[in-house]
């Protein structure tokens, strides 16, 4: 069912892997942070960004594996999508604990809405694989694009946040 999608998932996986590397480069810029609040703030942006990029990388690798049927990959992607939704909830709770509350809708959308939509799309695509529906590859590809977008936005916010708070140290 995923035949013909190889190039898309190779590109998505390569993009995710490259962006993971670039995030680590960006973190070296902020390596001199010593204040506890700044470390917590960096983690509040960094970990979700890395999880999203890693999720796309894993999704791409899993989809490209030569599975004997759609059932194993459907189950794996369903678990991944559910884990993504659960993680998104934990991110919201953790950000509130350290005071990283997103007040504006334009912050909520890419930090909360897009990743949740990506995880939901992954679950729908996985269910489509299990039911052998033609929309499945499109839903899985949509999940990869949404999670990449959310990761890029998170990396951008992380970079801006580090630059802004570096002056305070």
Protein backbone atom coordinates (compact mmCIF):
# COMPACT_ATOMS: atom_id res chain seq x y z
CA UNK A 1 0.00 0.00 0.00
CA UNK A 2 2.94 2.34 0.59
CA UNK A 3 4.58 1.49 -2.74
CA UNK A 4 5.57 4.58 -4.66
CA UNK A 5 6.04 6.62 -1.49
CA UNK A 6 9.71 5.71 -0.99
CA UNK A 7 11.14 9.03 -2.18
CA UNK A 8 8.79 11.04 0.02
CA UNK A 9 9.69 9.13 3.17
CA UNK A 10 13.40 9.10 2.31
CA UNK A 11 13.27 12.89 2.00
CA UNK A 12 11.22 13.29 5.20
CA UNK A 13 13.59 11.04 7.14
CA UNK A 14 16.65 12.83 5.78
CA UNK A 15 15.15 16.20 6.64
CA UNK A 16 14.34 15.04 10.18
CA UNK A 17 17.82 13.61 10.70
CA UNK A 18 19.46 16.79 9.39
CA UNK A 19 17.28 18.99 11.58
CA UNK A 20 18.14 16.88 14.65
CA UNK A 21 21.81 17.61 13.94
CA UNK A 22 21.13 21.32 13.48
CA UNK A 23 19.26 21.49 16.78
CA UNK A 24 22.30 20.02 18.53
CA UNK A 25 24.45 22.68 16.87
CA UNK A 26 22.05 25.37 18.11
CA UNK A 27 22.23 23.98 21.63
CA UNK A 28 26.00 24.38 21.67
CA UNK A 29 25.37 28.11 21.29
CA UNK A 30 23.46 28.04 24.57
CA UNK A 31 25.89 25.77 26.40
CA UNK A 32 26.95 28.58 28.72
CA UNK A 33 23.53 28.87 30.37
CA UNK A 34 23.76 28.34 34.08
CA UNK A 35 20.51 29.64 35.54
CA UNK A 36 18.04 26.95 36.45
CA UNK A 37 15.12 28.77 34.81
CA UNK A 38 17.02 29.07 31.56
CA UNK A 39 17.90 25.37 31.58
CA UNK A 40 14.22 24.51 32.22
CA UNK A 41 13.15 26.87 29.46
CA UNK A 42 15.59 25.35 27.01
CA UNK A 43 14.31 21.87 27.85
CA UNK A 44 10.74 23.11 27.45
CA UNK A 45 11.48 23.87 23.81
CA UNK A 46 14.31 21.43 23.06
CA UNK A 47 12.88 18.08 24.09
CA UNK A 48 9.54 18.44 22.24
CA UNK A 49 11.40 19.61 19.13
CA UNK A 50 13.77 16.65 19.23
CA UNK A 51 10.90 14.23 19.88
CA UNK A 52 9.02 15.55 16.83
CA UNK A 53 12.04 15.29 14.55
CA UNK A 54 12.88 11.85 15.97
CA UNK A 55 9.27 10.78 15.45
CA UNK A 56 9.42 11.71 11.77
CA UNK A 57 12.76 9.94 11.43
CA UNK A 58 11.39 6.79 13.08
CA UNK A 59 8.16 6.96 11.08
CA UNK A 60 10.14 7.22 7.84
CA UNK A 61 12.39 4.30 8.74
CA UNK A 62 9.44 2.17 9.81
CA UNK A 63 7.48 2.87 6.64
CA UNK A 64 10.48 2.08 4.43
CA UNK A 65 11.11 -1.32 6.03
CA UNK A 66 10.02 -4.29 3.89
CA UNK A 67 7.12 -5.52 6.04
CA UNK A 68 5.43 -8.80 5.01
CA UNK A 69 2.02 -7.11 5.40
CA UNK A 70 0.48 -3.81 6.43
CA UNK A 71 -0.52 -5.14 9.85
CA UNK A 72 2.82 -4.76 11.72
CA UNK A 73 3.47 -1.24 10.46
CA UNK A 74 -0.15 -0.30 11.12
CA UNK A 75 0.20 -1.40 14.73
CA UNK A 76 3.57 0.33 15.15
CA UNK A 77 2.25 3.60 13.71
CA UNK A 78 -0.90 3.41 15.85
CA UNK A 79 1.22 3.05 18.98
CA UNK A 80 3.46 5.88 17.76
CA UNK A 81 0.49 8.18 17.18
CA UNK A 82 -1.02 7.40 20.58
CA UNK A 83 2.37 7.96 22.22
CA UNK A 84 2.61 11.29 20.37
CA UNK A 85 -0.74 12.42 21.73
CA UNK A 86 0.18 11.33 25.26
CA UNK A 87 3.53 13.11 24.98
CA UNK A 88 1.81 16.27 23.75
CA UNK A 89 -0.33 16.31 26.89
CA UNK A 90 2.75 15.83 29.07
CA UNK A 91 4.50 18.71 27.28
CA UNK A 92 1.58 21.04 28.01
CA UNK A 93 1.61 20.05 31.68
CA UNK A 94 5.40 20.38 31.97
CA UNK A 95 5.43 23.80 30.33
CA UNK A 96 2.81 25.04 32.76
CA UNK A 97 4.87 23.77 35.71
CA UNK A 98 7.94 25.77 34.68
CA UNK A 99 5.95 28.82 33.64
CA UNK A 100 6.28 28.50 29.85
CA UNK A 101 2.65 29.32 29.23
CA UNK A 102 1.74 30.10 25.64
CA UNK A 103 -0.68 32.99 25.71
CA UNK A 104 -1.31 33.80 22.06
CA UNK A 105 -3.24 31.61 19.62
CA UNK A 106 -0.40 31.84 17.13
CA UNK A 107 1.82 30.11 19.68
CA UNK A 108 -0.75 27.48 20.65
CA UNK A 109 -1.37 26.45 17.07
CA UNK A 110 2.19 25.33 16.11
CA UNK A 111 3.20 24.16 19.60
CA UNK A 112 0.02 22.29 20.56
CA UNK A 113 -2.44 22.05 17.67
CA UNK A 114 -0.12 21.03 14.84
CA UNK A 115 1.67 18.23 16.76
CA UNK A 116 -1.67 16.89 18.02
CA UNK A 117 -3.06 17.00 14.48
CA UNK A 118 0.08 15.22 13.24
CA UNK A 119 -0.35 12.45 15.82
CA UNK A 120 -4.04 12.18 14.96
CA UNK A 121 -3.20 11.97 11.27
CA UNK A 122 -0.69 9.22 12.03
CA UNK A 123 -3.34 7.25 13.93
CA UNK A 124 -5.81 7.71 11.07
CA UNK A 125 -3.18 6.62 8.53
CA UNK A 126 -2.29 3.58 10.61
CA UNK A 127 -5.95 2.63 10.91
CA UNK A 128 -6.23 3.11 7.15
CA UNK A 129 -3.31 0.75 6.63
CA UNK A 130 -4.94 -1.87 8.82
CA UNK A 131 -8.23 -1.46 6.94
CA UNK A 132 -6.42 -1.29 3.56
CA UNK A 133 -7.86 2.13 2.66
CA UNK A 134 -6.35 4.23 -0.10
CA UNK A 135 -6.10 7.37 2.08
CA UNK A 136 -3.58 5.74 4.44
CA UNK A 137 -0.33 6.85 2.75
CA UNK A 138 -1.63 10.41 2.46
CA UNK A 139 -2.53 10.55 6.14
CA UNK A 140 0.86 9.15 7.16
CA UNK A 141 2.65 11.60 4.87
CA UNK A 142 0.54 14.43 6.32
CA UNK A 143 1.62 13.38 9.80
CA UNK A 144 5.28 13.55 8.76
CA UNK A 145 4.84 17.02 7.25
CA UNK A 146 2.90 18.35 10.25
CA UNK A 147 5.45 17.02 12.74
CA UNK A 148 8.33 18.43 10.68
CA UNK A 149 6.60 21.82 10.62
CA UNK A 150 6.00 21.71 14.37
CA UNK A 151 9.63 20.75 14.94
CA UNK A 152 10.92 23.54 12.73
CA UNK A 153 8.72 26.07 14.52
CA UNK A 154 9.91 24.71 17.87
CA UNK A 155 13.54 24.93 16.81
CA UNK A 156 13.01 28.50 15.67
CA UNK A 157 11.37 29.42 18.98
CA UNK A 158 14.17 27.67 20.87
CA UNK A 159 16.78 29.67 19.00
CA UNK A 160 14.98 32.97 19.58
CA UNK A 161 14.38 32.11 23.23
CA UNK A 162 18.06 31.28 23.77
CA UNK A 163 19.18 34.52 22.10
CA UNK A 164 16.71 36.58 24.14
CA UNK A 165 17.61 34.93 27.45
CA UNK A 166 21.35 34.73 26.85
CA UNK A 167 21.51 38.46 27.54
CA UNK A 168 19.96 37.84 30.99
CA UNK A 169 22.70 35.47 32.16
